[in-house]
PDB file of N, CA and C in Angstrom:
ATOM      1  N   UNK A   1     105.374  91.964 107.643  1.00  0.00           N
ATOM      2  CA  UNK A   1     103.935  91.867 107.739  1.00  0.00           C
ATOM      3  C   UNK A   1     103.296  93.101 107.105  1.00  0.00           C
ATOM      4  N   UNK A   2     102.201  92.884 106.416  1.00  0.00           N
ATOM      5  CA  UNK A   2     101.541  93.958 105.833  1.00  0.00           C
ATOM      6  C   UNK A   2     100.563  94.759 106.852  1.00  0.00           C
ATOM      7  N   UNK A   3     100.315  95.984 106.489  1.00  0.00           N
ATOM      8  CA  UNK A   3      99.530  96.764 107.402  1.00  0.00           C
ATOM      9  C   UNK A   3      98.047  96.205 107.575  1.00  0.00           C
ATOM     10  N   UNK A   4      97.560  95.715 106.515  1.00  0.00           N
ATOM     11  CA  UNK A   4      96.182  95.040 106.582  1.00  0.00           C
ATOM     12  C   UNK A   4      96.281  93.753 107.328  1.00  0.00           C
ATOM     13  N   UNK A   5      97.401  93.009 107.157  1.00  0.00           N
ATOM     14  CA  UNK A   5      97.589  91.756 107.884  1.00  0.00           C
ATOM     15  C   UNK A   5      97.681  92.051 109.391  1.00  0.00           C
ATOM     16  N   UNK A   6      98.463  93.047 109.754  1.00  0.00           N
ATOM     17  CA  UNK A   6      98.581  93.426 111.232  1.00  0.00           C
ATOM     18  C   UNK A   6      97.245  93.852 111.727  1.00  0.00           C
ATOM     19  N   UNK A   7      96.448  94.671 110.932  1.00  0.00           N
ATOM     20  CA  UNK A   7      95.096  95.040 111.387  1.00  0.00           C
ATOM     21  C   UNK A   7      94.198  93.832 111.614  1.00  0.00           C
ATOM     22  N   UNK A   8      94.212  92.905 110.777  1.00  0.00           N
ATOM     23  CA  UNK A   8      93.405  91.685 110.923  1.00  0.00           C
ATOM     24  C   UNK A   8      93.739  90.893 112.153  1.00  0.00           C
ATOM     25  N   UNK A   9      95.007  90.747 112.241  1.00  0.00           N
ATOM     26  CA  UNK A   9      95.481  90.016 113.482  1.00  0.00           C
ATOM     27  C   UNK A   9      95.146  90.702 114.826  1.00  0.00           C
ATOM     28  N   UNK A  10      95.358  91.997 114.848  1.00  0.00           N
ATOM     29  CA  UNK A  10      95.030  92.735 116.105  1.00  0.00           C
ATOM     30  C   UNK A  10      93.586  92.807 116.357  1.00  0.00           C
ATOM     31  N   UNK A  11      92.699  92.946 115.336  1.00  0.00           N
ATOM     32  CA  UNK A  11      91.217  92.952 115.450  1.00  0.00           C
ATOM     33  C   UNK A  11      90.750  91.558 115.970  1.00  0.00           C
ATOM     34  N   UNK A  12      91.308  90.552 115.432  1.00  0.00           N
ATOM     35  CA  UNK A  12      90.913  89.242 115.792  1.00  0.00           C
ATOM     36  C   UNK A  12      91.299  88.882 117.265  1.00  0.00           C
ATOM     37  N   UNK A  13      92.454  89.358 117.596  1.00  0.00           N
ATOM     38  CA  UNK A  13      92.857  89.117 118.938  1.00  0.00           C
ATOM     39  C   UNK A  13      92.066  89.913 119.911  1.00  0.00           C
ATOM     40  N   UNK A  14      91.686  91.097 119.595  1.00  0.00           N
ATOM     41  CA  UNK A  14      90.857  91.916 120.533  1.00  0.00           C
ATOM     42  C   UNK A  14      89.489  91.349 120.652  1.00  0.00           C
ATOM     43  N   UNK A  15      88.941  90.666 119.599  1.00  0.00           N
ATOM     44  CA  UNK A  15      87.628  90.086 119.597  1.00  0.00           C
ATOM     45  C   UNK A  15      87.663  88.655 120.246  1.00  0.00           C
ATOM     46  N   UNK A  16      88.868  88.110 120.393  1.00  0.00           N
ATOM     47  CA  UNK A  16      88.985  86.814 121.036  1.00  0.00           C
ATOM     48  C   UNK A  16      88.621  85.709 120.046  1.00  0.00           C
ATOM     49  N   UNK A  17      88.716  85.917 118.780  1.00  0.00           N
ATOM     50  CA  UNK A  17      88.364  84.866 117.817  1.00  0.00           C
ATOM     51  C   UNK A  17      89.528  84.061 117.455  1.00  0.00           C
ATOM     52  N   UNK A  18      89.204  82.787 117.156  1.00  0.00           N
ATOM     53  CA  UNK A  18      90.204  81.868 116.546  1.00  0.00           C
ATOM     54  C   UNK A  18      90.248  82.249 115.059  1.00  0.00           C
ATOM     55  N   UNK A  19      91.336  81.801 114.472  1.00  0.00           N
ATOM     56  CA  UNK A  19      91.560  82.040 112.975  1.00  0.00           C
ATOM     57  C   UNK A  19      90.456  81.610 112.139  1.00  0.00           C
ATOM     58  N   UNK A  20      90.059  80.330 112.321  1.00  0.00           N
ATOM     59  CA  UNK A  20      89.116  79.785 111.542  1.00  0.00           C
ATOM     60  C   UNK A  20      87.658  80.342 111.717  1.00  0.00           C
ATOM     61  N   UNK A  21      87.375  80.822 112.906  1.00  0.00           N
ATOM     62  CA  UNK A  21      86.065  81.502 113.181  1.00  0.00           C
ATOM     63  C   UNK A  21      86.065  82.833 112.404  1.00  0.00           C
ATOM     64  N   UNK A  22      87.147  83.532 112.529  1.00  0.00           N
ATOM     65  CA  UNK A  22      87.102  84.931 111.838  1.00  0.00           C
ATOM     66  C   UNK A  22      87.217  84.690 110.319  1.00  0.00           C
ATOM     67  N   UNK A  23      87.867  83.754 109.831  1.00  0.00           N
ATOM     68  CA  UNK A  23      88.007  83.500 108.442  1.00  0.00           C
ATOM     69  C   UNK A  23      86.589  83.153 107.839  1.00  0.00           C
ATOM     70  N   UNK A  24      85.918  82.287 108.475  1.00  0.00           N
ATOM     71  CA  UNK A  24      84.560  81.925 107.892  1.00  0.00           C
ATOM     72  C   UNK A  24      83.574  83.050 108.028  1.00  0.00           C
ATOM     73  N   UNK A  25      83.660  83.893 108.992  1.00  0.00           N
ATOM     74  CA  UNK A  25      82.770  85.004 109.129  1.00  0.00           C
ATOM     75  C   UNK A  25      83.037  86.075 108.123  1.00  0.00           C
ATOM     76  N   UNK A  26      84.334  86.152 107.747  1.00  0.00           N
ATOM     77  CA  UNK A  26      84.727  87.125 106.729  1.00  0.00           C
ATOM     78  C   UNK A  26      84.487  86.564 105.269  1.00  0.00           C
ATOM     79  N   UNK A  27      84.435  85.299 105.156  1.00  0.00           N
ATOM     80  CA  UNK A  27      84.179  84.647 103.831  1.00  0.00           C
ATOM     81  C   UNK A  27      85.457  84.151 103.178  1.00  0.00           C
ATOM     82  N   UNK A  28      86.462  83.972 104.013  1.00  0.00           N
ATOM     83  CA  UNK A  28      87.808  83.581 103.412  1.00  0.00           C
ATOM     84  C   UNK A  28      88.004  82.101 104.056  1.00  0.00           C
ATOM     85  N   UNK A  29      88.912  81.413 103.490  1.00  0.00           N
ATOM     86  CA  UNK A  29      89.429  80.127 104.108  1.00  0.00           C
ATOM     87  C   UNK A  29      90.378  80.478 105.153  1.00  0.00           C
ATOM     88  N   UNK A  30      90.541  79.680 106.178  1.00  0.00           N
ATOM     89  CA  UNK A  30      91.507  79.909 107.218  1.00  0.00           C
ATOM     90  C   UNK A  30      92.942  80.054 106.651  1.00  0.00           C
ATOM     91  N   UNK A  31      93.256  79.354 105.660  1.00  0.00           N
ATOM     92  CA  UNK A  31      94.607  79.394 105.068  1.00  0.00           C
ATOM     93  C   UNK A  31      94.725  80.784 104.460  1.00  0.00           C
ATOM     94  N   UNK A  32      93.684  81.285 103.752  1.00  0.00           N
ATOM     95  CA  UNK A  32      93.867  82.559 103.068  1.00  0.00           C
ATOM     96  C   UNK A  32      94.027  83.690 104.107  1.00  0.00           C
ATOM     97  N   UNK A  33      93.246  83.573 105.155  1.00  0.00           N
ATOM     98  CA  UNK A  33      93.361  84.651 106.195  1.00  0.00           C
ATOM     99  C   UNK A  33      94.743  84.620 106.951  1.00  0.00           C
ATOM    100  N   UNK A  34      95.175  83.346 107.103  1.00  0.00           N
ATOM    101  CA  UNK A  34      96.554  83.163 107.759  1.00  0.00           C
ATOM    102  C   UNK A  34      97.625  83.786 106.884  1.00  0.00           C
ATOM    103  N   UNK A  35      97.577  83.503 105.629  1.00  0.00           N
ATOM    104  CA  UNK A  35      98.514  84.104 104.715  1.00  0.00           C
ATOM    105  C   UNK A  35      98.518  85.587 104.595  1.00  0.00           C
ATOM    106  N   UNK A  36      97.311  86.117 104.737  1.00  0.00           N
ATOM    107  CA  UNK A  36      97.179  87.537 104.661  1.00  0.00           C
ATOM    108  C   UNK A  36      97.687  88.158 105.979  1.00  0.00           C
ATOM    109  N   UNK A  37      97.266  87.608 107.138  1.00  0.00           N
ATOM    110  CA  UNK A  37      97.800  88.106 108.401  1.00  0.00           C
ATOM    111  C   UNK A  37      99.324  88.027 108.507  1.00  0.00           C
ATOM    112  N   UNK A  38      99.978  86.947 107.955  1.00  0.00           N
ATOM    113  CA  UNK A  38     101.376  86.851 108.001  1.00  0.00           C
ATOM    114  C   UNK A  38     102.149  87.582 107.050  1.00  0.00           C
ATOM    115  N   UNK A  39     101.465  88.138 106.000  1.00  0.00           N
ATOM    116  CA  UNK A  39     102.080  88.950 105.002  1.00  0.00           C
ATOM    117  C   UNK A  39     102.613  88.087 103.853  1.00  0.00           C
ATOM    118  N   UNK A  40     102.252  86.812 103.761  1.00  0.00           N
ATOM    119  CA  UNK A  40     102.641  85.966 102.638  1.00  0.00           C
ATOM    120  C   UNK A  40     101.951  86.228 101.387  1.00  0.00           C
ATOM    121  N   UNK A  41     100.668  86.731 101.461  1.00  0.00           N
ATOM    122  CA  UNK A  41      99.875  87.031 100.340  1.00  0.00           C
ATOM    123  C   UNK A  41      99.128  88.308 100.522  1.00  0.00           C
ATOM    124  N   UNK A  42      98.687  88.883  99.483  1.00  0.00           N
ATOM    125  CA  UNK A  42      98.031  90.214  99.508  1.00  0.00           C
ATOM    126  C   UNK A  42      96.538  89.919  99.497  1.00  0.00           C
ATOM    127  N   UNK A  43      95.709  90.507 100.257  1.00  0.00           N
ATOM    128  CA  UNK A  43      94.218  90.429 100.246  1.00  0.00           C
ATOM    129  C   UNK A  43      93.711  91.059  98.968  1.00  0.00           C
ATOM    130  N   UNK A  44      92.692  90.545  98.437  1.00  0.00           N
ATOM    131  CA  UNK A  44      92.110  91.094  97.281  1.00  0.00           C
ATOM    132  C   UNK A  44      91.121  92.268  97.700  1.00  0.00           C
ATOM    133  N   UNK A  45      90.743  93.128  96.831  1.00  0.00           N
ATOM    134  CA  UNK A  45      89.888  94.265  97.212  1.00  0.00           C
ATOM    135  C   UNK A  45      88.534  93.703  97.783  1.00  0.00           C
ATOM    136  N   UNK A  46      87.883  92.777  97.167  1.00  0.00           N
ATOM    137  CA  UNK A  46      86.679  92.204  97.856  1.00  0.00           C
ATOM    138  C   UNK A  46      86.857  91.675  99.265  1.00  0.00           C
ATOM    139  N   UNK A  47      87.985  91.082  99.474  1.00  0.00           N
ATOM    140  CA  UNK A  47      88.366  90.536 100.814  1.00  0.00           C
ATOM    141  C   UNK A  47      88.581  91.735 101.679  1.00  0.00           C
ATOM    142  N   UNK A  48      89.253  92.832 101.305  1.00  0.00           N
ATOM    143  CA  UNK A  48      89.493  93.952 102.091  1.00  0.00           C
ATOM    144  C   UNK A  48      88.154  94.555 102.560  1.00  0.00           C
ATOM    145  N   UNK A  49      87.204  94.666 101.568  1.00  0.00           N
ATOM    146  CA  UNK A  49      85.848  95.172 101.925  1.00  0.00           C
ATOM    147  C   UNK A  49      85.213  94.342 102.901  1.00  0.00           C
ATOM    148  N   UNK A  50      85.330  92.979 102.793  1.00  0.00           N
ATOM    149  CA  UNK A  50      84.715  92.084 103.785  1.00  0.00           C
ATOM    150  C   UNK A  50      85.382  92.239 105.163  1.00  0.00           C
ATOM    151  N   UNK A  51      86.671  92.428 105.208  1.00  0.00           N
ATOM    152  CA  UNK A  51      87.423  92.656 106.430  1.00  0.00           C
ATOM    153  C   UNK A  51      86.949  93.876 107.132  1.00  0.00           C
ATOM    154  N   UNK A  52      86.751  94.909 106.334  1.00  0.00           N
ATOM    155  CA  UNK A  52      86.350  96.194 106.899  1.00  0.00           C
ATOM    156  C   UNK A  52      85.013  96.128 107.428  1.00  0.00           C
ATOM    157  N   UNK A  53      84.134  95.499 106.775  1.00  0.00           N
ATOM    158  CA  UNK A  53      82.739  95.293 107.268  1.00  0.00           C
ATOM    159  C   UNK A  53      82.560  94.414 108.486  1.00  0.00           C
ATOM    160  N   UNK A  54      83.367  93.399 108.537  1.00  0.00           N
ATOM    161  CA  UNK A  54      83.385  92.469 109.657  1.00  0.00           C
ATOM    162  C   UNK A  54      83.892  93.078 110.899  1.00  0.00           C
ATOM    163  N   UNK A  55      85.172  93.709 110.747  1.00  0.00           N
ATOM    164  CA  UNK A  55      85.796  94.331 111.970  1.00  0.00           C
ATOM    165  C   UNK A  55      85.313  95.725 112.315  1.00  0.00           C
ATOM    166  N   UNK A  56      84.472  96.294 111.329  1.00  0.00           N
ATOM    167  CA  UNK A  56      84.117  97.629 111.634  1.00  0.00           C
ATOM    168  C   UNK A  56      85.120  98.664 111.261  1.00  0.00           C
ATOM    169  N   UNK A  57      86.068  98.357 110.429  1.00  0.00           N
ATOM    170  CA  UNK A  57      87.219  99.310 110.076  1.00  0.00           C
ATOM    171  C   UNK A  57      86.695 100.201 108.962  1.00  0.00           C
ATOM    172  N   UNK A  58      87.420 101.345 108.785  1.00  0.00           N
ATOM    173  CA  UNK A  58      87.137 102.316 107.727  1.00  0.00           C
ATOM    174  C   UNK A  58      87.633 101.729 106.357  1.00  0.00           C
ATOM    175  N   UNK A  59      86.806 101.560 105.364  1.00  0.00           N
ATOM    176  CA  UNK A  59      87.261 101.026 104.254  1.00  0.00           C
ATOM    177  C   UNK A  59      88.236 101.946 103.385  1.00  0.00           C
ATOM    178  N   UNK A  60      88.043 103.272 103.512  1.00  0.00           N
ATOM    179  CA  UNK A  60      89.011 104.177 102.865  1.00  0.00           C
ATOM    180  C   UNK A  60      90.404 104.025 103.546  1.00  0.00           C
ATOM    181  N   UNK A  61      90.467 103.975 104.794  1.00  0.00           N
ATOM    182  CA  UNK A  61      91.710 103.776 105.511  1.00  0.00           C
ATOM    183  C   UNK A  61      92.409 102.471 105.113  1.00  0.00           C
ATOM    184  N   UNK A  62      91.624 101.307 105.130  1.00  0.00           N
ATOM    185  CA  UNK A  62      92.133 100.152 104.680  1.00  0.00           C
ATOM    186  C   UNK A  62      92.687 100.170 103.161  1.00  0.00           C
ATOM    187  N   UNK A  63      91.946 100.870 102.281  1.00  0.00           N
ATOM    188  CA  UNK A  63      92.336 100.966 100.951  1.00  0.00           C
ATOM    189  C   UNK A  63      93.720 101.781 100.891  1.00  0.00           C
ATOM    190  N   UNK A  64      93.811 102.715 101.723  1.00  0.00           N
ATOM    191  CA  UNK A  64      95.058 103.451 101.703  1.00  0.00           C
ATOM    192  C   UNK A  64      96.270 102.564 102.213  1.00  0.00           C
ATOM    193  N   UNK A  65      96.002 101.785 103.115  1.00  0.00           N
ATOM    194  CA  UNK A  65      97.007 100.884 103.580  1.00  0.00           C
ATOM    195  C   UNK A  65      97.306  99.852 102.422  1.00  0.00           C
ATOM    196  N   UNK A  66      96.127  99.427 101.819  1.00  0.00           N
ATOM    197  CA  UNK A  66      96.549  98.553 100.678  1.00  0.00           C
ATOM    198  C   UNK A  66      97.385  99.187  99.598  1.00  0.00           C
ATOM    199  N   UNK A  67      97.225 100.505  99.357  1.00  0.00           N
ATOM    200  CA  UNK A  67      98.104 101.033  98.347  1.00  0.00           C
ATOM    201  C   UNK A  67      99.517 101.252  98.875  1.00  0.00           C
ATOM    202  N   UNK A  68      99.671 101.515 100.176  1.00  0.00           N
ATOM    203  CA  UNK A  68     101.006 101.510 100.728  1.00  0.00           C
ATOM    204  C   UNK A  68     101.670 100.193 100.774  1.00  0.00           C
ATOM    205  N   UNK A  69     100.945  99.070 101.015  1.00  0.00           N
ATOM    206  CA  UNK A  69     101.455  97.787 101.001  1.00  0.00           C
ATOM    207  C   UNK A  69     101.993  97.388  99.588  1.00  0.00           C
ATOM    208  N   UNK A  70     101.145  97.829  98.672  1.00  0.00           N
ATOM    209  CA  UNK A  70     101.506  97.629  97.124  1.00  0.00           C
ATOM    210  C   UNK A  70     102.728  98.285  96.858  1.00  0.00           C
ATOM    211  N   UNK A  71     102.928  99.569  97.327  1.00  0.00           N
ATOM    212  CA  UNK A  71     104.119 100.349  96.958  1.00  0.00           C
ATOM    213  C   UNK A  71     105.335  99.615  97.612  1.00  0.00           C
ATOM    214  N   UNK A  72     105.152  99.173  98.801  1.00  0.00           N
ATOM    215  CA  UNK A  72     106.188  98.387  99.516  1.00  0.00           C
ATOM    216  C   UNK A  72     106.698  97.165  98.643  1.00  0.00           C
ATOM    217  N   UNK A  73     105.606  96.477  98.229  1.00  0.00           N
ATOM    218  CA  UNK A  73     105.857  95.239  97.414  1.00  0.00           C
ATOM    219  C   UNK A  73     106.510  95.600  96.167  1.00  0.00           C
ATOM    220  N   UNK A  74     106.190  96.616  95.573  1.00  0.00           N
ATOM    221  CA  UNK A  74     106.855  97.055  94.293  1.00  0.00           C
ATOM    222  C   UNK A  74     108.333  97.324  94.479  1.00  0.00           C
ATOM    223  N   UNK A  75     108.535  98.031  95.701  1.00  0.00           N
ATOM    224  CA  UNK A  75     109.980  98.366  95.934  1.00  0.00           C
ATOM    225  C   UNK A  75     110.776  97.108  96.174  1.00  0.00           C
ATOM    226  N   UNK A  76     110.244  96.086  96.783  1.00  0.00           N
ATOM    227  CA  UNK A  76     110.954  94.851  97.012  1.00  0.00           C
ATOM    228  C   UNK A  76     111.110  94.048  95.709  1.00  0.00           C
ATOM    229  N   UNK A  77     110.255  94.180  94.832  1.00  0.00           N
ATOM    230  CA  UNK A  77     110.407  93.612  93.464  1.00  0.00           C
ATOM    231  C   UNK A  77     111.432  94.333  92.752  1.00  0.00           C
ATOM    232  N   UNK A  78     111.453  95.668  92.696  1.00  0.00           N
ATOM    233  CA  UNK A  78     112.483  96.406  92.102  1.00  0.00           C
ATOM    234  C   UNK A  78     113.896  96.244  92.614  1.00  0.00           C
ATOM    235  N   UNK A  79     114.114  95.952  93.903  1.00  0.00           N
ATOM    236  CA  UNK A  79     115.334  95.797  94.685  1.00  0.00           C
ATOM    237  C   UNK A  79     115.350  94.391  95.233  1.00  0.00           C
ATOM    238  N   UNK A  80     115.452  93.278  94.525  1.00  0.00           N
ATOM    239  CA  UNK A  80     115.371  92.054  95.139  1.00  0.00           C
ATOM    240  C   UNK A  80     116.428  91.633  96.095  1.00  0.00           C
ATOM    241  N   UNK A  81     117.666  92.338  96.041  1.00  0.00           N
ATOM    242  CA  UNK A  81     118.632  92.091  96.938  1.00  0.00           C
ATOM    243  C   UNK A  81     118.374  92.534  98.413  1.00  0.00           C
ATOM    244  N   UNK A  82     117.562  93.483  98.480  1.00  0.00           N
ATOM    245  CA  UNK A  82     117.132  94.009  99.756  1.00  0.00           C
ATOM    246  C   UNK A  82     116.135  93.166 100.538  1.00  0.00           C
ATOM    247  N   UNK A  83     115.287  92.474  99.801  1.00  0.00           N
ATOM    248  CA  UNK A  83     114.220  91.784 100.487  1.00  0.00           C
ATOM    249  C   UNK A  83     114.749  90.289 100.563  1.00  0.00           C
ATOM    250  N   UNK A  84     113.927  89.494 101.307  1.00  0.00           N
ATOM    251  CA  UNK A  84     114.359  88.086 101.481  1.00  0.00           C
ATOM    252  C   UNK A  84     113.981  87.265 100.141  1.00  0.00           C
ATOM    253  N   UNK A  85     114.551  86.152 100.000  1.00  0.00           N
ATOM    254  CA  UNK A  85     114.307  85.350  98.852  1.00  0.00           C
ATOM    255  C   UNK A  85     112.948  84.747  98.812  1.00  0.00           C
ATOM    256  N   UNK A  86     112.205  84.775  99.924  1.00  0.00           N
ATOM    257  CA  UNK A  86     110.843  84.171  99.998  1.00  0.00           C
ATOM    258  C   UNK A  86     109.770  85.073  99.610  1.00  0.00           C
ATOM    259  N   UNK A  87     110.080  86.247  99.301  1.00  0.00           N
ATOM    260  CA  UNK A  87     109.061  87.193  98.862  1.00  0.00           C
ATOM    261  C   UNK A  87     108.654  86.935  97.375  1.00  0.00           C
ATOM    262  N   UNK A  88     107.289  87.212  97.134  1.00  0.00           N
ATOM    263  CA  UNK A  88     106.719  86.925  95.809  1.00  0.00           C
ATOM    264  C   UNK A  88     107.329  88.007  94.886  1.00  0.00           C
ATOM    265  N   UNK A  89     107.756  87.564  93.699  1.00  0.00           N
ATOM    266  CA  UNK A  89     108.271  88.581  92.693  1.00  0.00           C
ATOM    267  C   UNK A  89     107.334  88.747  91.527  1.00  0.00           C
ATOM    268  N   UNK A  90     106.058  88.661  91.668  1.00  0.00           N
ATOM    269  CA  UNK A  90     105.088  88.816  90.584  1.00  0.00           C
ATOM    270  C   UNK A  90     104.113  89.876  91.047  1.00  0.00           C
ATOM    271  N   UNK A  91     103.525  90.564  90.049  1.00  0.00           N
ATOM    272  CA  UNK A  91     102.480  91.523  90.339  1.00  0.00           C
ATOM    273  C   UNK A  91     101.086  90.908  90.133  1.00  0.00           C
ATOM    274  N   UNK A  92     100.247  91.122  91.143  1.00  0.00           N
ATOM    275  CA  UNK A  92      98.862  90.632  91.020  1.00  0.00           C
ATOM    276  C   UNK A  92      98.061  91.653  90.366  1.00  0.00           C
ATOM    277  N   UNK A  93      97.710  91.527  89.088  1.00  0.00           N
ATOM    278  CA  UNK A  93      96.940  92.562  88.359  1.00  0.00           C
ATOM    279  C   UNK A  93      95.464  92.488  88.603  1.00  0.00           C
ATOM    280  N   UNK A  94      95.028  91.442  89.354  1.00  0.00           N
ATOM    281  CA  UNK A  94      93.613  91.324  89.728  1.00  0.00           C
ATOM    282  C   UNK A  94      93.220  92.479  90.635  1.00  0.00           C
ATOM    283  N   UNK A  95      94.064  92.893  91.587  1.00  0.00           N
ATOM    284  CA  UNK A  95      93.764  93.869  92.515  1.00  0.00           C
ATOM    285  C   UNK A  95      93.899  95.208  91.851  1.00  0.00           C
ATOM    286  N   UNK A  96      94.705  95.307  90.757  1.00  0.00           N
ATOM    287  CA  UNK A  96      94.737  96.640  90.088  1.00  0.00           C
ATOM    288  C   UNK A  96      93.472  96.997  89.446  1.00  0.00           C
ATOM    289  N   UNK A  97      92.741  96.036  88.908  1.00  0.00           N
ATOM    290  CA  UNK A  97      91.390  96.265  88.311  1.00  0.00           C
ATOM    291  C   UNK A  97      90.515  96.721  89.411  1.00  0.00           C
ATOM    292  N   UNK A  98      90.390  95.991  90.497  1.00  0.00           N
ATOM    293  CA  UNK A  98      89.443  96.306  91.572  1.00  0.00           C
ATOM    294  C   UNK A  98      89.765  97.639  92.146  1.00  0.00           C
ATOM    295  N   UNK A  99      91.066  98.002  92.341  1.00  0.00           N
ATOM    296  CA  UNK A  99      91.381  99.263  92.945  1.00  0.00           C
ATOM    297  C   UNK A  99      90.917 100.438  92.063  1.00  0.00           C
ATOM    298  N   UNK A 100      91.156 100.258  90.764  1.00  0.00           N
ATOM    299  CA  UNK A 100      90.670 101.366  89.844  1.00  0.00           C
ATOM    300  C   UNK A 100      89.148 101.494  89.886  1.00  0.00           C
ATOM    301  N   UNK A 101      88.436 100.366  89.991  1.00  0.00           N
ATOM    302  CA  UNK A 101      87.048 100.340  90.132  1.00  0.00           C
ATOM    303  C   UNK A 101      86.633 101.075  91.368  1.00  0.00           C
ATOM    304  N   UNK A 102      87.325 100.772  92.505  1.00  0.00           N
ATOM    305  CA  UNK A 102      87.060 101.346  93.792  1.00  0.00           C
ATOM    306  C   UNK A 102      87.253 102.780  93.742  1.00  0.00           C
ATOM    307  N   UNK A 103      88.374 103.355  93.247  1.00  0.00           N
ATOM    308  CA  UNK A 103      88.684 104.726  93.148  1.00  0.00           C
ATOM    309  C   UNK A 103      87.710 105.351  92.284  1.00  0.00           C
ATOM    310  N   UNK A 104      87.309 104.800  91.253  1.00  0.00           N
ATOM    311  CA  UNK A 104      86.314 105.509  90.242  1.00  0.00           C
ATOM    312  C   UNK A 104      84.903 105.659  91.031  1.00  0.00           C
ATOM    313  N   UNK A 105      84.525 104.587  91.672  1.00  0.00           N
ATOM    314  CA  UNK A 105      83.187 104.610  92.450  1.00  0.00           C
ATOM    315  C   UNK A 105      83.323 105.571  93.537  1.00  0.00           C
ATOM    316  N   UNK A 106      84.418 105.715  94.259  1.00  0.00           N
ATOM    317  CA  UNK A 106      84.601 106.591  95.339  1.00  0.00           C
ATOM    318  C   UNK A 106      84.514 108.016  94.807  1.00  0.00           C
ATOM    319  N   UNK A 107      85.191 108.275  93.734  1.00  0.00           N
ATOM    320  CA  UNK A 107      85.191 109.582  93.145  1.00  0.00           C
ATOM    321  C   UNK A 107      83.883 110.052  92.629  1.00  0.00           C
ATOM    322  N   UNK A 108      83.032 109.126  92.148  1.00  0.00           N
ATOM    323  CA  UNK A 108      81.662 109.544  91.667  1.00  0.00           C
ATOM    324  C   UNK A 108      80.691 109.775  92.767  1.00  0.00           C
ATOM    325  N   UNK A 109      80.948 109.108  93.953  1.00  0.00           N
ATOM    326  CA  UNK A 109      79.999 109.189  95.022  1.00  0.00           C
ATOM    327  C   UNK A 109      80.359 110.280  96.055  1.00  0.00           C
ATOM    328  N   UNK A 110      81.668 110.753  96.089  1.00  0.00           N
ATOM    329  CA  UNK A 110      82.073 111.796  97.017  1.00  0.00           C
ATOM    330  C   UNK A 110      82.358 113.039  96.361  1.00  0.00           C
ATOM    331  N   UNK A 111      81.400 113.771  96.130  1.00  0.00           N
ATOM    332  CA  UNK A 111      81.494 115.061  95.345  1.00  0.00           C
ATOM    333  C   UNK A 111      82.216 116.087  96.181  1.00  0.00           C
ATOM    334  N   UNK A 112      82.294 116.038  97.501  1.00  0.00           N
ATOM    335  CA  UNK A 112      82.965 117.026  98.247  1.00  0.00           C
ATOM    336  C   UNK A 112      84.504 116.916  98.255  1.00  0.00           C
ATOM    337  N   UNK A 113      84.977 115.762  97.954  1.00  0.00           N
ATOM    338  CA  UNK A 113      86.444 115.596  97.951  1.00  0.00           C
ATOM    339  C   UNK A 113      87.026 116.100  96.637  1.00  0.00           C
ATOM    340  N   UNK A 114      88.294 116.597  96.790  1.00  0.00           N
ATOM    341  CA  UNK A 114      88.925 117.158  95.607  1.00  0.00           C
ATOM    342  C   UNK A 114      89.742 115.975  94.897  1.00  0.00           C
ATOM    343  N   UNK A 115      90.004 115.015  95.480  1.00  0.00           N
ATOM    344  CA  UNK A 115      90.704 113.914  94.940  1.00  0.00           C
ATOM    345  C   UNK A 115      89.749 112.697  94.809  1.00  0.00           C
ATOM    346  N   UNK A 116      89.780 111.960  93.675  1.00  0.00           N
ATOM    347  CA  UNK A 116      89.086 110.726  93.546  1.00  0.00           C
ATOM    348  C   UNK A 116      89.535 109.618  94.467  1.00  0.00           C
TER     349      UNK A 116
END
C-alpha cells in the first residue's frame, strides 16, 4: 500500500466516511479512490492536492510521500523478481509533468527555503 493510500484510508476511517462519500467530496470516482487507497494505482498531483485540501493534510508532506512512493515503484520496476506479478510495470509520465510544475511553483513562492 502506498503512503498516500494509507493516509486516505486512515483519514476516511477517522471521519467515519464511506468510500463513495469521500470520493465524491474529493472529486474522484469511488473506484479511483479505492484503487489509490489499496495501492493499485497512483494518485495524480491534482488528486493529491484535492486530498490534502479535503482532509486538511499538509500538501508538502503529501508531495514528499508521493516522491517516496514513486521511488518505491521505480525500484519494483527495476527489480521485477522482487515484486509481485500484479504490479504495474509502466511509468506514468503525467505525474512527472505535474510534479515539476509543483516544485517550480513552490520554489518561486518560498524564498526562505534553500531547496526548491
